[in-house]
Amino acid sequence: AAAQRLGELARGLGLEPSFEHVPVGGDIDLNRPNLVVICG
């Protein structure tokens, strides 16, 4: 729900949201522009 609501806000601001998952184990490439991570 958090990701979808943030995506809706982004579209309204003229941004192009896409969605992905941090895989089990937590390995994710963080060296990318315009990245929002909902994770601890």
Full PDB file with SEQRES, HELIX, SHEET, SSBOND, CRYST1, ORIGX, SCALE, CONECT and MASTER records, all heavy atoms in Angstrom:
SEQRES   1 A   40  ALA ALA ALA GLN ARG LEU GLY GLU LEU ALA ARG GLY LEU          
SEQRES   2 A   40  GLY LEU GLU PRO SER PHE GLU HIS VAL PRO VAL GLY GLY          
SEQRES   3 A   40  ASP ILE ASP LEU ASN ARG PRO ASN LEU VAL VAL ILE CYS          
SEQRES   4 A   40  GLY                                                          
HELIX    1 AA1 ALA A    2  GLY A   12  1                                  11    
CRYST1    1.000    1.000    1.000  90.00  90.00  90.00 P 1           1          
ORIGX1      1.000000  0.000000  0.000000        0.00000                         
ORIGX2      0.000000  1.000000  0.000000        0.00000                         
ORIGX3      0.000000  0.000000  1.000000        0.00000                         
SCALE1      1.000000  0.000000  0.000000        0.00000                         
SCALE2      0.000000  1.000000  0.000000        0.00000                         
SCALE3      0.000000  0.000000  1.000000        0.00000                         
ATOM      1  N   ALA A   1       0.828  -1.202   0.000  1.00  0.00           N  
ATOM      2  CA  ALA A   1       0.000   0.000   0.000  1.00  0.00           C  
ATOM      3  C   ALA A   1       0.867   1.258   0.000  1.00  0.00           C  
ATOM      4  O   ALA A   1       0.566   2.221  -0.716  1.00  0.00           O  
ATOM      5  CB  ALA A   1      -0.925  -0.003   1.221  1.00  0.00           C  
ATOM      6  N   ALA A   2       1.944   1.239   0.787  1.00  0.00           N  
ATOM      7  CA  ALA A   2       2.831   2.398   0.846  1.00  0.00           C  
ATOM      8  C   ALA A   2       3.444   2.674  -0.515  1.00  0.00           C  
ATOM      9  O   ALA A   2       3.492   3.826  -0.976  1.00  0.00           O  
ATOM     10  CB  ALA A   2       3.922   2.165   1.892  1.00  0.00           C  
ATOM     11  N   ALA A   3       3.917   1.627  -1.193  1.00  0.00           N  
ATOM     12  CA  ALA A   3       4.544   1.800  -2.499  1.00  0.00           C  
ATOM     13  C   ALA A   3       3.532   2.317  -3.524  1.00  0.00           C  
ATOM     14  O   ALA A   3       3.842   3.221  -4.315  1.00  0.00           O  
ATOM     15  CB  ALA A   3       5.152   0.478  -2.964  1.00  0.00           C  
ATOM     16  N   GLN A   4       2.332   1.757  -3.521  1.00  0.00           N  
ATOM     17  CA  GLN A   4       1.323   2.175  -4.489  1.00  0.00           C  
ATOM     18  C   GLN A   4       0.911   3.631  -4.266  1.00  0.00           C  
ATOM     19  O   GLN A   4       0.745   4.402  -5.226  1.00  0.00           O  
ATOM     20  CB  GLN A   4       0.102   1.257  -4.412  1.00  0.00           C  
ATOM     21  CG  GLN A   4       0.356  -0.168  -4.879  1.00  0.00           C  
ATOM     22  CD  GLN A   4       0.760  -0.235  -6.335  1.00  0.00           C  
ATOM     23  OE1 GLN A   4       0.274   0.525  -7.173  1.00  0.00           O  
ATOM     24  NE2 GLN A   4       1.682  -1.148  -6.648  1.00  0.00           N  
ATOM     25  N   ARG A   5       0.746   4.031  -3.023  1.00  0.00           N  
ATOM     26  CA  ARG A   5       0.361   5.421  -2.738  1.00  0.00           C  
ATOM     27  C   ARG A   5       1.474   6.385  -3.121  1.00  0.00           C  
ATOM     28  O   ARG A   5       1.215   7.472  -3.642  1.00  0.00           O  
ATOM     29  CB  ARG A   5      -0.001   5.566  -1.262  1.00  0.00           C  
ATOM     30  CG  ARG A   5      -1.285   4.840  -0.900  1.00  0.00           C  
ATOM     31  CD  ARG A   5      -1.543   4.788   0.593  1.00  0.00           C  
ATOM     32  NE  ARG A   5      -2.624   3.862   0.887  1.00  0.00           N  
ATOM     33  CZ  ARG A   5      -3.056   3.559   2.103  1.00  0.00           C  
ATOM     34  NH1 ARG A   5      -2.499   4.147   3.165  1.00  0.00           N  
ATOM     35  NH2 ARG A   5      -4.042   2.693   2.269  1.00  0.00           N  
ATOM     36  N   LEU A   6       2.701   5.976  -2.868  1.00  0.00           N  
ATOM     37  CA  LEU A   6       3.819   6.823  -3.262  1.00  0.00           C  
ATOM     38  C   LEU A   6       3.904   6.918  -4.785  1.00  0.00           C  
ATOM     39  O   LEU A   6       4.205   7.982  -5.330  1.00  0.00           O  
ATOM     40  CB  LEU A   6       5.123   6.254  -2.695  1.00  0.00           C  
ATOM     41  CG  LEU A   6       6.316   7.197  -2.655  1.00  0.00           C  
ATOM     42  CD1 LEU A   6       6.032   8.385  -1.739  1.00  0.00           C  
ATOM     43  CD2 LEU A   6       7.560   6.455  -2.173  1.00  0.00           C  
ATOM     44  N   GLY A   7       3.618   5.803  -5.465  1.00  0.00           N  
ATOM     45  CA  GLY A   7       3.616   5.823  -6.919  1.00  0.00           C  
ATOM     46  C   GLY A   7       2.545   6.746  -7.477  1.00  0.00           C  
ATOM     47  O   GLY A   7       2.775   7.473  -8.462  1.00  0.00           O  
ATOM     48  N   GLU A   8       1.357   6.740  -6.878  1.00  0.00           N  
ATOM     49  CA  GLU A   8       0.286   7.626  -7.315  1.00  0.00           C  
ATOM     50  C   GLU A   8       0.688   9.090  -7.137  1.00  0.00           C  
ATOM     51  O   GLU A   8       0.430   9.936  -8.004  1.00  0.00           O  
ATOM     52  CB  GLU A   8      -0.989   7.330  -6.532  1.00  0.00           C  
ATOM     53  CG  GLU A   8      -1.626   5.981  -6.860  1.00  0.00           C  
ATOM     54  CD  GLU A   8      -2.774   5.643  -5.939  1.00  0.00           C  
ATOM     55  OE1 GLU A   8      -3.156   6.525  -5.135  1.00  0.00           O  
ATOM     56  OE2 GLU A   8      -3.295   4.516  -6.016  1.00  0.00           O  
ATOM     57  N   LEU A   9       1.322   9.396  -6.008  1.00  0.00           N  
ATOM     58  CA  LEU A   9       1.800  10.752  -5.786  1.00  0.00           C  
ATOM     59  C   LEU A   9       2.830  11.128  -6.842  1.00  0.00           C  
ATOM     60  O   LEU A   9       2.792  12.234  -7.405  1.00  0.00           O  
ATOM     61  CB  LEU A   9       2.413  10.868  -4.387  1.00  0.00           C  
ATOM     62  CG  LEU A   9       3.092  12.201  -4.060  1.00  0.00           C  
ATOM     63  CD1 LEU A   9       2.071  13.325  -4.016  1.00  0.00           C  
ATOM     64  CD2 LEU A   9       3.858  12.103  -2.740  1.00  0.00           C  
ATOM     65  N   ALA A  10       3.757  10.214  -7.119  1.00  0.00           N  
ATOM     66  CA  ALA A  10       4.805  10.487  -8.098  1.00  0.00           C  
ATOM     67  C   ALA A  10       4.221  10.795  -9.475  1.00  0.00           C  
ATOM     68  O   ALA A  10       4.655  11.729 -10.158  1.00  0.00           O  
ATOM     69  CB  ALA A  10       5.756   9.297  -8.177  1.00  0.00           C  
ATOM     70  N   ARG A  11       3.225  10.019  -9.893  1.00  0.00           N  
ATOM     71  CA  ARG A  11       2.597  10.273 -11.196  1.00  0.00           C  
ATOM     72  C   ARG A  11       1.982  11.664 -11.238  1.00  0.00           C  
ATOM     73  O   ARG A  11       2.062  12.364 -12.250  1.00  0.00           O  
ATOM     74  CB  ARG A  11       1.520   9.222 -11.477  1.00  0.00           C  
ATOM     75  CG  ARG A  11       2.059   7.827 -11.747  1.00  0.00           C  
ATOM     76  CD  ARG A  11       0.957   6.880 -12.221  1.00  0.00           C  
ATOM     77  NE  ARG A  11       1.435   5.507 -12.245  1.00  0.00           N  
ATOM     78  CZ  ARG A  11       1.288   4.638 -11.266  1.00  0.00           C  
ATOM     79  NH1 ARG A  11       0.649   5.013 -10.152  1.00  0.00           N  
ATOM     80  NH2 ARG A  11       1.757   3.413 -11.365  1.00  0.00           N  
ATOM     81  N   GLY A  12       1.338  12.049 -10.144  1.00  0.00           N  
ATOM     82  CA  GLY A  12       0.739  13.367 -10.085  1.00  0.00           C  
ATOM     83  C   GLY A  12       1.758  14.485 -10.137  1.00  0.00           C  
ATOM     84  O   GLY A  12       1.414  15.629 -10.462  1.00  0.00           O  
ATOM     85  N   LEU A  13       3.005  14.170  -9.836  1.00  0.00           N  
ATOM     86  CA  LEU A  13       4.079  15.162  -9.846  1.00  0.00           C  
ATOM     87  C   LEU A  13       4.886  15.116 -11.138  1.00  0.00           C  
ATOM     88  O   LEU A  13       5.918  15.771 -11.253  1.00  0.00           O  
ATOM     89  CB  LEU A  13       5.010  14.931  -8.655  1.00  0.00           C  
ATOM     90  CG  LEU A  13       4.385  15.164  -7.277  1.00  0.00           C  
ATOM     91  CD1 LEU A  13       5.278  14.596  -6.182  1.00  0.00           C  
ATOM     92  CD2 LEU A  13       4.141  16.657  -7.035  1.00  0.00           C  
ATOM     93  N   GLY A  14       4.411  14.315 -12.095  1.00  0.00           N  
ATOM     94  CA  GLY A  14       5.103  14.240 -13.372  1.00  0.00           C  
ATOM     95  C   GLY A  14       6.250  13.253 -13.412  1.00  0.00           C  
ATOM     96  O   GLY A  14       7.047  13.263 -14.352  1.00  0.00           O  
ATOM     97  N   LEU A  15       6.362  12.377 -12.405  1.00  0.00           N  
ATOM     98  CA  LEU A  15       7.396  11.354 -12.376  1.00  0.00           C  
ATOM     99  C   LEU A  15       6.837  10.041 -12.935  1.00  0.00           C  
ATOM    100  O   LEU A  15       5.627   9.869 -13.074  1.00  0.00           O  
ATOM    101  CB  LEU A  15       7.899  11.146 -10.946  1.00  0.00           C  
ATOM    102  CG  LEU A  15       8.445  12.393 -10.235  1.00  0.00           C  
ATOM    103  CD1 LEU A  15       8.746  12.090  -8.776  1.00  0.00           C  
ATOM    104  CD2 LEU A  15       9.681  12.921 -10.929  1.00  0.00           C  
ATOM    105  N   GLU A  16       7.738   9.109 -13.249  1.00  0.00           N  
ATOM    106  CA  GLU A  16       7.344   7.819 -13.823  1.00  0.00           C  
ATOM    107  C   GLU A  16       7.762   6.708 -12.860  1.00  0.00           C  
ATOM    108  O   GLU A  16       8.892   6.228 -12.909  1.00  0.00           O  
ATOM    109  CB  GLU A  16       8.005   7.613 -15.182  1.00  0.00           C  
ATOM    110  CG  GLU A  16       7.675   8.691 -16.204  1.00  0.00           C  
ATOM    111  CD  GLU A  16       8.473   8.519 -17.477  1.00  0.00           C  
ATOM    112  OE1 GLU A  16       8.872   7.372 -17.783  1.00  0.00           O  
ATOM    113  OE2 GLU A  16       8.717   9.523 -18.163  1.00  0.00           O  
ATOM    114  N   PRO A  17       6.852   6.281 -11.960  1.00  0.00           N  
ATOM    115  CA  PRO A  17       7.229   5.272 -10.967  1.00  0.00           C  
ATOM    116  C   PRO A  17       7.273   3.864 -11.537  1.00  0.00           C  
ATOM    117  O   PRO A  17       6.504   3.503 -12.421  1.00  0.00           O  
ATOM    118  CB  PRO A  17       6.130   5.395  -9.912  1.00  0.00           C  
ATOM    119  CG  PRO A  17       4.933   5.840 -10.696  1.00  0.00           C  
ATOM    120  CD  PRO A  17       5.466   6.753 -11.779  1.00  0.00           C  
ATOM    121  N   SER A  18       8.194   3.063 -11.026  1.00  0.00           N  
ATOM    122  CA  SER A  18       8.222   1.628 -11.278  1.00  0.00           C  
ATOM    123  C   SER A  18       8.435   0.940  -9.942  1.00  0.00           C  
ATOM    124  O   SER A  18       8.932   1.544  -8.985  1.00  0.00           O  
ATOM    125  CB  SER A  18       9.334   1.254 -12.270  1.00  0.00           C  
ATOM    126  OG  SER A  18      10.609   1.574 -11.738  1.00  0.00           O  
ATOM    127  N   PHE A  19       8.066  -0.334  -9.879  1.00  0.00           N  
ATOM    128  CA  PHE A  19       8.061  -1.042  -8.603  1.00  0.00           C  
ATOM    129  C   PHE A  19       8.911  -2.306  -8.700  1.00  0.00           C  
ATOM    130  O   PHE A  19       8.933  -2.983  -9.720  1.00  0.00           O  
ATOM    131  CB  PHE A  19       6.628  -1.398  -8.213  1.00  0.00           C  
ATOM    132  CG  PHE A  19       5.708  -0.200  -8.157  1.00  0.00           C  
ATOM    133  CD1 PHE A  19       4.951   0.154  -9.265  1.00  0.00           C  
ATOM    134  CD2 PHE A  19       5.622   0.577  -7.015  1.00  0.00           C  
ATOM    135  CE1 PHE A  19       4.118   1.251  -9.231  1.00  0.00           C  
ATOM    136  CE2 PHE A  19       4.794   1.675  -6.970  1.00  0.00           C  
ATOM    137  CZ  PHE A  19       4.028   2.028  -8.079  1.00  0.00           C  
ATOM    138  N   GLU A  20       9.606  -2.591  -7.620  1.00  0.00           N  
ATOM    139  CA  GLU A  20      10.440  -3.790  -7.560  1.00  0.00           C  
ATOM    140  C   GLU A  20      10.503  -4.274  -6.118  1.00  0.00           C  
ATOM    141  O   GLU A  20      10.008  -3.601  -5.209  1.00  0.00           O  
ATOM    142  CB  GLU A  20      11.837  -3.502  -8.088  1.00  0.00           C  
ATOM    143  CG  GLU A  20      12.598  -2.455  -7.277  1.00  0.00           C  
ATOM    144  CD  GLU A  20      13.950  -2.126  -7.901  1.00  0.00           C  
ATOM    145  OE1 GLU A  20      13.985  -1.331  -8.856  1.00  0.00           O  
ATOM    146  OE2 GLU A  20      14.958  -2.677  -7.401  1.00  0.00           O  
ATOM    147  N   HIS A  21      11.137  -5.440  -5.916  1.00  0.00           N  
ATOM    148  CA  HIS A  21      11.253  -6.003  -4.579  1.00  0.00           C  
ATOM    149  C   HIS A  21      12.716  -6.128  -4.164  1.00  0.00           C  
ATOM    150  O   HIS A  21      13.582  -6.427  -4.987  1.00  0.00           O  
ATOM    151  CB  HIS A  21      10.607  -7.391  -4.506  1.00  0.00           C  
ATOM    152  CG  HIS A  21       9.119  -7.377  -4.648  1.00  0.00           C  
ATOM    153  ND1 HIS A  21       8.308  -6.631  -3.813  1.00  0.00           N  
ATOM    154  CD2 HIS A  21       8.298  -8.012  -5.514  1.00  0.00           C  
ATOM    155  CE1 HIS A  21       7.048  -6.802  -4.168  1.00  0.00           C  
ATOM    156  NE2 HIS A  21       7.011  -7.633  -5.193  1.00  0.00           N  
ATOM    157  N   VAL A  22      12.953  -5.879  -2.890  1.00  0.00           N  
ATOM    158  CA  VAL A  22      14.211  -6.296  -2.285  1.00  0.00           C  
ATOM    159  C   VAL A  22      14.088  -7.796  -2.055  1.00  0.00           C  
ATOM    160  O   VAL A  22      13.198  -8.231  -1.321  1.00  0.00           O  
ATOM    161  CB  VAL A  22      14.452  -5.576  -0.940  1.00  0.00           C  
ATOM    162  CG1 VAL A  22      15.780  -6.038  -0.323  1.00  0.00           C  
ATOM    163  CG2 VAL A  22      14.431  -4.071  -1.122  1.00  0.00           C  
ATOM    164  N   PRO A  23      14.920  -8.630  -2.679  1.00  0.00           N  
ATOM    165  CA  PRO A  23      14.724 -10.080  -2.579  1.00  0.00           C  
ATOM    166  C   PRO A  23      14.994 -10.596  -1.168  1.00  0.00           C  
ATOM    167  O   PRO A  23      15.637  -9.931  -0.349  1.00  0.00           O  
ATOM    168  CB  PRO A  23      15.746 -10.641  -3.573  1.00  0.00           C  
ATOM    169  CG  PRO A  23      16.794  -9.580  -3.674  1.00  0.00           C  
ATOM    170  CD  PRO A  23      16.080  -8.279  -3.515  1.00  0.00           C  
ATOM    171  N   VAL A  24      14.473 -11.780  -0.886  1.00  0.00           N  
ATOM    172  CA  VAL A  24      14.794 -12.439   0.372  1.00  0.00           C  
ATOM    173  C   VAL A  24      16.316 -12.564   0.465  1.00  0.00           C  
ATOM    174  O   VAL A  24      16.978 -12.995  -0.466  1.00  0.00           O  
ATOM    175  CB  VAL A  24      14.134 -13.833   0.436  1.00  0.00           C  
ATOM    176  CG1 VAL A  24      14.605 -14.583   1.680  1.00  0.00           C  
ATOM    177  CG2 VAL A  24      12.618 -13.709   0.425  1.00  0.00           C  
ATOM    178  N   GLY A  25      16.879 -12.149   1.582  1.00  0.00           N  
ATOM    179  CA  GLY A  25      18.327 -12.068   1.718  1.00  0.00           C  
ATOM    180  C   GLY A  25      18.824 -10.642   1.677  1.00  0.00           C  
ATOM    181  O   GLY A  25      19.906 -10.329   2.172  1.00  0.00           O  
ATOM    182  N   GLY A  26      18.021  -9.743   1.071  1.00  0.00           N  
ATOM    183  CA  GLY A  26      18.298  -8.314   1.148  1.00  0.00           C  
ATOM    184  C   GLY A  26      19.294  -7.758   0.163  1.00  0.00           C  
ATOM    185  O   GLY A  26      19.688  -6.597   0.260  1.00  0.00           O  
ATOM    186  N   ASP A  27      19.724  -8.539  -0.824  1.00  0.00           N  
ATOM    187  CA  ASP A  27      20.728  -8.067  -1.778  1.00  0.00           C  
ATOM    188  C   ASP A  27      20.064  -7.189  -2.836  1.00  0.00           C  
ATOM    189  O   ASP A  27      19.261  -7.661  -3.631  1.00  0.00           O  
ATOM    190  CB  ASP A  27      21.420  -9.264  -2.438  1.00  0.00           C  
ATOM    191  CG  ASP A  27      22.606  -8.844  -3.296  1.00  0.00           C  
ATOM    192  OD1 ASP A  27      23.088  -7.718  -3.115  1.00  0.00           O  
ATOM    193  OD2 ASP A  27      23.028  -9.641  -4.158  1.00  0.00           O  
ATOM    194  N   ILE A  28      20.387  -5.915  -2.864  1.00  0.00           N  
ATOM    195  CA  ILE A  28      19.801  -4.973  -3.814  1.00  0.00           C  
ATOM    196  C   ILE A  28      20.843  -3.950  -4.222  1.00  0.00           C  
ATOM    197  O   ILE A  28      21.677  -3.528  -3.404  1.00  0.00           O  
ATOM    198  CB  ILE A  28      18.566  -4.263  -3.211  1.00  0.00           C  
ATOM    199  CG1 ILE A  28      17.946  -3.279  -4.229  1.00  0.00           C  
ATOM    200  CG2 ILE A  28      18.891  -3.574  -1.894  1.00  0.00           C  
ATOM    201  CD1 ILE A  28      16.653  -2.645  -3.760  1.00  0.00           C  
ATOM    202  N   ASP A  29      20.817  -3.549  -5.483  1.00  0.00           N  
ATOM    203  CA  ASP A  29      21.728  -2.527  -5.994  1.00  0.00           C  
ATOM    204  C   ASP A  29      21.196  -1.157  -5.589  1.00  0.00           C  
ATOM    205  O   ASP A  29      20.152  -0.720  -6.085  1.00  0.00           O  
ATOM    206  CB  ASP A  29      21.832  -2.640  -7.516  1.00  0.00           C  
ATOM    207  CG  ASP A  29      22.726  -1.553  -8.120  1.00  0.00           C  
ATOM    208  OD1 ASP A  29      23.474  -0.903  -7.361  1.00  0.00           O  
ATOM    209  OD2 ASP A  29      22.657  -1.358  -9.354  1.00  0.00           O  
ATOM    210  N   LEU A  30      21.899  -0.490  -4.699  1.00  0.00           N  
ATOM    211  CA  LEU A  30      21.479   0.824  -4.214  1.00  0.00           C  
ATOM    212  C   LEU A  30      22.167   1.964  -4.951  1.00  0.00           C  
ATOM    213  O   LEU A  30      21.873   3.130  -4.680  1.00  0.00           O  
ATOM    214  CB  LEU A  30      21.766   0.942  -2.712  1.00  0.00           C  
ATOM    215  CG  LEU A  30      21.079  -0.091  -1.816  1.00  0.00           C  
ATOM    216  CD1 LEU A  30      21.500   0.101  -0.367  1.00  0.00           C  
ATOM    217  CD2 LEU A  30      19.564  -0.013  -1.952  1.00  0.00           C  
ATOM    218  N   ASN A  31      23.059   1.644  -5.863  1.00  0.00           N  
ATOM    219  CA  ASN A  31      23.827   2.672  -6.582  1.00  0.00           C  
ATOM    220  C   ASN A  31      23.121   3.071  -7.869  1.00  0.00           C  
ATOM    221  O   ASN A  31      23.636   2.918  -8.976  1.00  0.00           O  
ATOM    222  CB  ASN A  31      25.242   2.160  -6.877  1.00  0.00           C  
ATOM    223  CG  ASN A  31      26.033   1.950  -5.602  1.00  0.00           C  
ATOM    224  OD1 ASN A  31      25.941   2.745  -4.672  1.00  0.00           O  
ATOM    225  ND2 ASN A  31      26.788   0.867  -5.543  1.00  0.00           N  
ATOM    226  N   ARG A  32      21.884   3.590  -7.701  1.00  0.00           N  
ATOM    227  CA  ARG A  32      21.070   4.012  -8.828  1.00  0.00           C  
ATOM    228  C   ARG A  32      20.400   5.340  -8.503  1.00  0.00           C  
ATOM    229  O   ARG A  32      20.074   5.600  -7.346  1.00  0.00           O  
ATOM    230  CB  ARG A  32      19.989   2.966  -9.129  1.00  0.00           C  
ATOM    231  CG  ARG A  32      20.519   1.636  -9.623  1.00  0.00           C  
ATOM    232  CD  ARG A  32      19.374   0.660  -9.800  1.00  0.00           C  
ATOM    233  NE  ARG A  32      18.913   0.113  -8.530  1.00  0.00           N  
ATOM    234  CZ  ARG A  32      17.702  -0.426  -8.347  1.00  0.00           C  
ATOM    235  NH1 ARG A  32      16.825  -0.416  -9.332  1.00  0.00           N  
ATOM    236  NH2 ARG A  32      17.374  -0.941  -7.180  1.00  0.00           N  
ATOM    237  N   PRO A  33      20.172   6.177  -9.500  1.00  0.00           N  
ATOM    238  CA  PRO A  33      19.484   7.447  -9.233  1.00  0.00           C  
ATOM    239  C   PRO A  33      18.001   7.233  -9.008  1.00  0.00           C  
ATOM    240  O   PRO A  33      17.421   6.235  -9.445  1.00  0.00           O  
ATOM    241  CB  PRO A  33      19.745   8.260 -10.507  1.00  0.00           C  
ATOM    242  CG  PRO A  33      19.890   7.222 -11.579  1.00  0.00           C  
ATOM    243  CD  PRO A  33      20.584   6.057 -10.909  1.00  0.00           C  
ATOM    244  N   ASN A  34      17.389   8.177  -8.301  1.00  0.00           N  
ATOM    245  CA  ASN A  34      15.931   8.222  -8.138  1.00  0.00           C  
ATOM    246  C   ASN A  34      15.384   6.916  -7.573  1.00  0.00           C  
ATOM    247  O   ASN A  34      14.445   6.327  -8.110  1.00  0.00           O  
ATOM    248  CB  ASN A  34      15.262   8.547  -9.473  1.00  0.00           C  
ATOM    249  CG  ASN A  34      15.814   9.811 -10.105  1.00  0.00           C  
ATOM    250  OD1 ASN A  34      15.941  10.834  -9.443  1.00  0.00           O  
ATOM    251  ND2 ASN A  34      16.172   9.736 -11.369  1.00  0.00           N  
ATOM    252  N   LEU A  35      15.964   6.484  -6.462  1.00  0.00           N  
ATOM    253  CA  LEU A  35      15.577   5.222  -5.826  1.00  0.00           C  
ATOM    254  C   LEU A  35      14.987   5.498  -4.449  1.00  0.00           C  
ATOM    255  O   LEU A  35      15.567   6.245  -3.652  1.00  0.00           O  
ATOM    256  CB  LEU A  35      16.793   4.311  -5.693  1.00  0.00           C  
ATOM    257  CG  LEU A  35      16.587   2.956  -4.988  1.00  0.00           C  
ATOM    258  CD1 LEU A  35      15.618   2.083  -5.780  1.00  0.00           C  
ATOM    259  CD2 LEU A  35      17.929   2.249  -4.814  1.00  0.00           C  
ATOM    260  N   VAL A  36      13.826   4.895  -4.183  1.00  0.00           N  
ATOM    261  CA  VAL A  36      13.195   4.938  -2.868  1.00  0.00           C  
ATOM    262  C   VAL A  36      13.100   3.509  -2.365  1.00  0.00           C  
ATOM    263  O   VAL A  36      12.538   2.645  -3.046  1.00  0.00           O  
ATOM    264  CB  VAL A  36      11.797   5.573  -2.921  1.00  0.00           C  
ATOM    265  CG1 VAL A  36      11.144   5.535  -1.535  1.00  0.00           C  
ATOM    266  CG2 VAL A  36      11.866   7.004  -3.440  1.00  0.00           C  
ATOM    267  N   VAL A  37      13.636   3.238  -1.178  1.00  0.00           N  
ATOM    268  CA  VAL A  37      13.639   1.891  -0.622  1.00  0.00           C  
ATOM    269  C   VAL A  37      12.846   1.887   0.683  1.00  0.00           C  
ATOM    270  O   VAL A  37      13.177   2.634   1.614  1.00  0.00           O  
ATOM    271  CB  VAL A  37      15.075   1.381  -0.371  1.00  0.00           C  
ATOM    272  CG1 VAL A  37      15.039  -0.031   0.187  1.00  0.00           C  
ATOM    273  CG2 VAL A  37      15.884   1.411  -1.656  1.00  0.00           C  
ATOM    274  N   ILE A  38      11.791   1.073   0.723  1.00  0.00           N  
ATOM    275  CA  ILE A  38      10.979   0.939   1.944  1.00  0.00           C  
ATOM    276  C   ILE A  38      11.467  -0.323   2.643  1.00  0.00           C  
ATOM    277  O   ILE A  38      10.928  -1.419   2.454  1.00  0.00           O  
ATOM    278  CB  ILE A  38       9.485   0.858   1.593  1.00  0.00           C  
ATOM    279  CG1 ILE A  38       9.072   2.035   0.704  1.00  0.00           C  
ATOM    280  CG2 ILE A  38       8.639   0.835   2.867  1.00  0.00           C  
ATOM    281  CD1 ILE A  38       7.642   1.945   0.184  1.00  0.00           C  
ATOM    282  N   CYS A  39      12.488  -0.187   3.449  1.00  0.00           N  
ATOM    283  CA  CYS A  39      13.152  -1.366   4.009  1.00  0.00           C  
ATOM    284  C   CYS A  39      14.023  -0.952   5.178  1.00  0.00           C  
ATOM    285  O   CYS A  39      14.549   0.165   5.200  1.00  0.00           O  
ATOM    286  CB  CYS A  39      14.001  -2.040   2.920  1.00  0.00           C  
ATOM    287  SG  CYS A  39      14.825  -3.566   3.422  1.00  0.00           S  
ATOM    288  N   GLY A  40      14.180  -1.861   6.148  1.00  0.00           N  
ATOM    289  CA  GLY A  40      14.990  -1.580   7.313  1.00  0.00           C  
ATOM    290  C   GLY A  40      16.205  -2.466   7.415  1.00  0.00           C  
ATOM    291  O   GLY A  40      16.453  -3.322   6.555  1.00  0.00           O  
TER     292      GLY A  40                                                      
MASTER        0    0    0    1    0    0    0    6  291    1    0    4          
END                                                                             
